[in-house]
Amino acid sequence: MLSLDLHPIFRSNRDLDTALRTFLVRAAASGEQTVEIVPGKGSGALRQRVLTFLAQPHVRKLYRSAEVDARNPGRVLVHLR
């Protein structure tokens, strides 16, 4: 499973959006079925930014579903198409 750790990318919304978009497109092109995005536990603000990004219609076309891991709330699993 491919993983994207967002801790070092937290600088700006633009950096975050670019990193997420690039990661999802590459993962989908490589045939991955599920990927992991790690915003970390913290206050939940970064996780919410990830979920907001994933909810955009043009991004939503890349995946079937996304969920916060029930056992680890610092991890978002994205199930690609």
N, C-alpha and C. Protein backbone atom coordinates (compact mmCIF):
# COMPACT_ATOMS: atom_id res chain seq x y z
N MET A 1 0.85 -1.17 0.00
CA MET A 1 0.00 0.00 0.00
C MET A 1 0.90 1.24 0.00
N LEU A 2 0.62 2.14 -0.93
CA LEU A 2 1.35 3.40 -0.97
C LEU A 2 0.88 4.30 0.16
N SER A 3 1.81 5.11 0.68
CA SER A 3 1.50 5.97 1.80
C SER A 3 2.07 7.37 1.56
N LEU A 4 1.32 8.38 1.97
CA LEU A 4 1.77 9.77 1.90
C LEU A 4 1.70 10.36 3.30
N ASP A 5 2.86 10.66 3.87
CA ASP A 5 2.94 11.28 5.19
C ASP A 5 2.92 12.79 5.01
N LEU A 6 1.92 13.44 5.54
CA LEU A 6 1.75 14.88 5.33
C LEU A 6 2.51 15.74 6.33
N HIS A 7 3.12 15.16 7.33
CA HIS A 7 3.83 15.96 8.33
C HIS A 7 4.84 16.92 7.71
N PRO A 8 5.69 16.49 6.77
CA PRO A 8 6.67 17.43 6.21
C PRO A 8 6.08 18.36 5.15
N ILE A 9 4.83 18.18 4.75
CA ILE A 9 4.23 18.95 3.66
C ILE A 9 3.28 20.02 4.21
N PHE A 10 3.16 20.16 5.48
CA PHE A 10 2.14 20.98 6.13
C PHE A 10 2.30 22.49 5.92
N ARG A 11 3.26 22.93 5.14
CA ARG A 11 3.58 24.35 5.00
C ARG A 11 2.41 25.22 4.54
N SER A 12 1.68 24.81 3.52
CA SER A 12 0.59 25.66 3.01
C SER A 12 -0.49 24.81 2.36
N ASN A 13 -1.66 25.41 2.17
CA ASN A 13 -2.74 24.69 1.48
C ASN A 13 -2.34 24.31 0.07
N ARG A 14 -1.62 25.20 -0.59
CA ARG A 14 -1.22 24.92 -1.97
C ARG A 14 -0.27 23.72 -2.03
N ASP A 15 0.71 23.69 -1.13
CA ASP A 15 1.62 22.54 -1.07
C ASP A 15 0.85 21.26 -0.80
N LEU A 16 -0.09 21.34 0.12
CA LEU A 16 -0.89 20.17 0.49
C LEU A 16 -1.72 19.69 -0.69
N ASP A 17 -2.42 20.59 -1.36
CA ASP A 17 -3.24 20.21 -2.51
C ASP A 17 -2.40 19.59 -3.62
N THR A 18 -1.26 20.18 -3.90
CA THR A 18 -0.38 19.66 -4.95
C THR A 18 0.12 18.26 -4.59
N ALA A 19 0.55 18.08 -3.35
CA ALA A 19 1.05 16.78 -2.91
C ALA A 19 -0.04 15.71 -2.98
N LEU A 20 -1.24 16.05 -2.51
CA LEU A 20 -2.34 15.08 -2.54
C LEU A 20 -2.74 14.73 -3.96
N ARG A 21 -2.88 15.74 -4.81
CA ARG A 21 -3.29 15.50 -6.20
C ARG A 21 -2.26 14.62 -6.92
N THR A 22 -0.99 14.96 -6.79
CA THR A 22 0.08 14.19 -7.44
C THR A 22 0.09 12.76 -6.94
N PHE A 23 -0.03 12.59 -5.64
CA PHE A 23 -0.02 11.26 -5.03
C PHE A 23 -1.17 10.40 -5.54
N LEU A 24 -2.38 10.95 -5.55
CA LEU A 24 -3.55 10.18 -5.98
C LEU A 24 -3.50 9.83 -7.46
N VAL A 25 -3.07 10.75 -8.29
CA VAL A 25 -2.98 10.48 -9.73
C VAL A 25 -1.95 9.39 -10.00
N ARG A 26 -0.80 9.48 -9.35
CA ARG A 26 0.25 8.46 -9.55
C ARG A 26 -0.20 7.09 -9.03
N ALA A 27 -0.86 7.09 -7.88
CA ALA A 27 -1.33 5.82 -7.32
C ALA A 27 -2.37 5.18 -8.22
N ALA A 28 -3.29 5.97 -8.74
CA ALA A 28 -4.32 5.44 -9.64
C ALA A 28 -3.68 4.91 -10.92
N ALA A 29 -2.71 5.62 -11.46
CA ALA A 29 -2.04 5.21 -12.69
C ALA A 29 -1.23 3.93 -12.50
N SER A 30 -0.75 3.71 -11.29
CA SER A 30 0.06 2.51 -11.03
C SER A 30 -0.79 1.29 -10.70
N GLY A 31 -2.11 1.48 -10.60
CA GLY A 31 -2.99 0.34 -10.35
C GLY A 31 -3.23 0.04 -8.89
N GLU A 32 -2.80 0.91 -8.00
CA GLU A 32 -3.05 0.70 -6.57
C GLU A 32 -4.55 0.68 -6.30
N GLN A 33 -4.97 -0.15 -5.37
CA GLN A 33 -6.39 -0.21 -5.02
C GLN A 33 -6.71 0.65 -3.81
N THR A 34 -5.79 0.67 -2.86
CA THR A 34 -5.98 1.45 -1.64
C THR A 34 -4.69 2.16 -1.30
N VAL A 35 -4.81 3.41 -0.89
CA VAL A 35 -3.65 4.17 -0.45
C VAL A 35 -3.93 4.76 0.92
N GLU A 36 -2.85 5.13 1.59
CA GLU A 36 -2.93 5.67 2.93
C GLU A 36 -2.40 7.11 2.92
N ILE A 37 -3.17 8.01 3.49
CA ILE A 37 -2.73 9.39 3.67
C ILE A 37 -2.63 9.60 5.18
N VAL A 38 -1.48 10.10 5.64
CA VAL A 38 -1.23 10.23 7.07
C VAL A 38 -1.14 11.71 7.46
N PRO A 39 -2.28 12.28 7.88
CA PRO A 39 -2.23 13.65 8.38
C PRO A 39 -1.81 13.71 9.84
N GLY A 40 -1.83 12.58 10.53
CA GLY A 40 -1.50 12.53 11.95
C GLY A 40 -2.72 12.80 12.81
N LYS A 41 -2.59 12.54 14.09
CA LYS A 41 -3.72 12.69 15.00
C LYS A 41 -3.92 14.16 15.36
N GLY A 42 -3.02 14.75 16.06
CA GLY A 42 -3.05 16.17 16.40
C GLY A 42 -4.44 16.71 16.72
N SER A 43 -4.70 17.93 16.29
CA SER A 43 -5.99 18.59 16.57
C SER A 43 -7.08 18.15 15.60
N GLY A 44 -6.69 17.51 14.51
CA GLY A 44 -7.66 17.10 13.50
C GLY A 44 -7.80 18.10 12.36
N ALA A 45 -7.14 19.24 12.46
CA ALA A 45 -7.26 20.28 11.42
C ALA A 45 -6.69 19.80 10.09
N LEU A 46 -5.55 19.15 10.12
CA LEU A 46 -4.94 18.67 8.88
C LEU A 46 -5.79 17.55 8.27
N ARG A 47 -6.31 16.67 9.12
CA ARG A 47 -7.19 15.60 8.63
C ARG A 47 -8.42 16.21 7.94
N GLN A 48 -8.99 17.25 8.53
CA GLN A 48 -10.15 17.91 7.93
C GLN A 48 -9.80 18.54 6.59
N ARG A 49 -8.61 19.10 6.47
CA ARG A 49 -8.17 19.67 5.19
C ARG A 49 -8.06 18.57 4.14
N VAL A 50 -7.57 17.39 4.53
CA VAL A 50 -7.48 16.26 3.60
C VAL A 50 -8.88 15.85 3.16
N LEU A 51 -9.80 15.71 4.09
CA LEU A 51 -11.16 15.28 3.75
C LEU A 51 -11.86 16.32 2.87
N THR A 52 -11.62 17.59 3.11
CA THR A 52 -12.18 18.65 2.27
C THR A 52 -11.62 18.57 0.86
N PHE A 53 -10.32 18.33 0.75
CA PHE A 53 -9.70 18.16 -0.56
C PHE A 53 -10.32 16.98 -1.30
N LEU A 54 -10.46 15.85 -0.60
CA LEU A 54 -11.00 14.64 -1.22
C LEU A 54 -12.46 14.82 -1.66
N ALA A 55 -13.19 15.71 -1.04
CA ALA A 55 -14.61 15.91 -1.36
C ALA A 55 -14.83 16.73 -2.63
N GLN A 56 -13.79 17.34 -3.17
CA GLN A 56 -13.94 18.14 -4.39
C GLN A 56 -14.36 17.23 -5.56
N PRO A 57 -15.33 17.67 -6.37
CA PRO A 57 -15.84 16.82 -7.46
C PRO A 57 -14.77 16.29 -8.41
N HIS A 58 -13.79 17.11 -8.79
CA HIS A 58 -12.77 16.64 -9.73
C HIS A 58 -11.82 15.63 -9.09
N VAL A 59 -11.67 15.68 -7.78
CA VAL A 59 -10.84 14.71 -7.07
C VAL A 59 -11.65 13.45 -6.80
N ARG A 60 -12.91 13.61 -6.50
CA ARG A 60 -13.81 12.49 -6.18
C ARG A 60 -13.85 11.46 -7.30
N LYS A 61 -13.60 11.89 -8.53
CA LYS A 61 -13.61 10.98 -9.68
C LYS A 61 -12.48 9.95 -9.63
N LEU A 62 -11.46 10.20 -8.81
CA LEU A 62 -10.30 9.31 -8.74
C LEU A 62 -10.50 8.11 -7.81
N TYR A 63 -11.49 8.18 -6.92
CA TYR A 63 -11.61 7.11 -5.92
C TYR A 63 -13.07 6.71 -5.66
N ARG A 64 -13.21 5.49 -5.12
CA ARG A 64 -14.54 4.96 -4.78
C ARG A 64 -15.00 5.46 -3.43
N SER A 65 -14.11 5.39 -2.44
CA SER A 65 -14.47 5.81 -1.09
C SER A 65 -13.22 6.21 -0.31
N ALA A 66 -13.45 6.98 0.74
CA ALA A 66 -12.37 7.40 1.64
C ALA A 66 -12.90 7.33 3.05
N GLU A 67 -12.04 6.94 3.97
CA GLU A 67 -12.49 6.79 5.35
C GLU A 67 -11.33 7.06 6.31
N VAL A 68 -11.66 7.63 7.45
CA VAL A 68 -10.68 7.75 8.52
C VAL A 68 -10.60 6.37 9.16
N ASP A 69 -9.39 5.87 9.33
CA ASP A 69 -9.17 4.55 9.92
C ASP A 69 -9.75 4.53 11.34
N ALA A 70 -10.66 3.62 11.60
CA ALA A 70 -11.32 3.53 12.91
C ALA A 70 -10.33 3.21 14.03
N ARG A 71 -9.28 2.47 13.73
CA ARG A 71 -8.28 2.10 14.74
C ARG A 71 -7.18 3.15 14.89
N ASN A 72 -7.01 4.00 13.87
CA ASN A 72 -5.96 5.01 13.90
C ASN A 72 -6.49 6.29 13.24
N PRO A 73 -7.04 7.21 14.01
CA PRO A 73 -7.64 8.41 13.43
C PRO A 73 -6.64 9.35 12.76
N GLY A 74 -5.36 9.04 12.85
CA GLY A 74 -4.33 9.83 12.18
C GLY A 74 -4.05 9.33 10.77
N ARG A 75 -4.93 8.47 10.27
CA ARG A 75 -4.72 7.86 8.96
C ARG A 75 -6.02 7.85 8.18
N VAL A 76 -5.94 8.25 6.90
CA VAL A 76 -7.10 8.24 6.01
C VAL A 76 -6.82 7.22 4.91
N LEU A 77 -7.75 6.28 4.72
CA LEU A 77 -7.62 5.28 3.68
C LEU A 77 -8.47 5.69 2.49
N VAL A 78 -7.88 5.65 1.31
CA VAL A 78 -8.59 6.02 0.09
C VAL A 78 -8.61 4.81 -0.83
N HIS A 79 -9.80 4.37 -1.21
CA HIS A 79 -9.98 3.21 -2.07
C HIS A 79 -10.19 3.72 -3.50
N LEU A 80 -9.20 3.48 -4.33
CA LEU A 80 -9.20 4.02 -5.69
C LEU A 80 -10.11 3.23 -6.62
N ARG A 81 -10.47 3.84 -7.73
CA ARG A 81 -11.32 3.19 -8.74
C ARG A 81 -10.52 2.18 -9.52
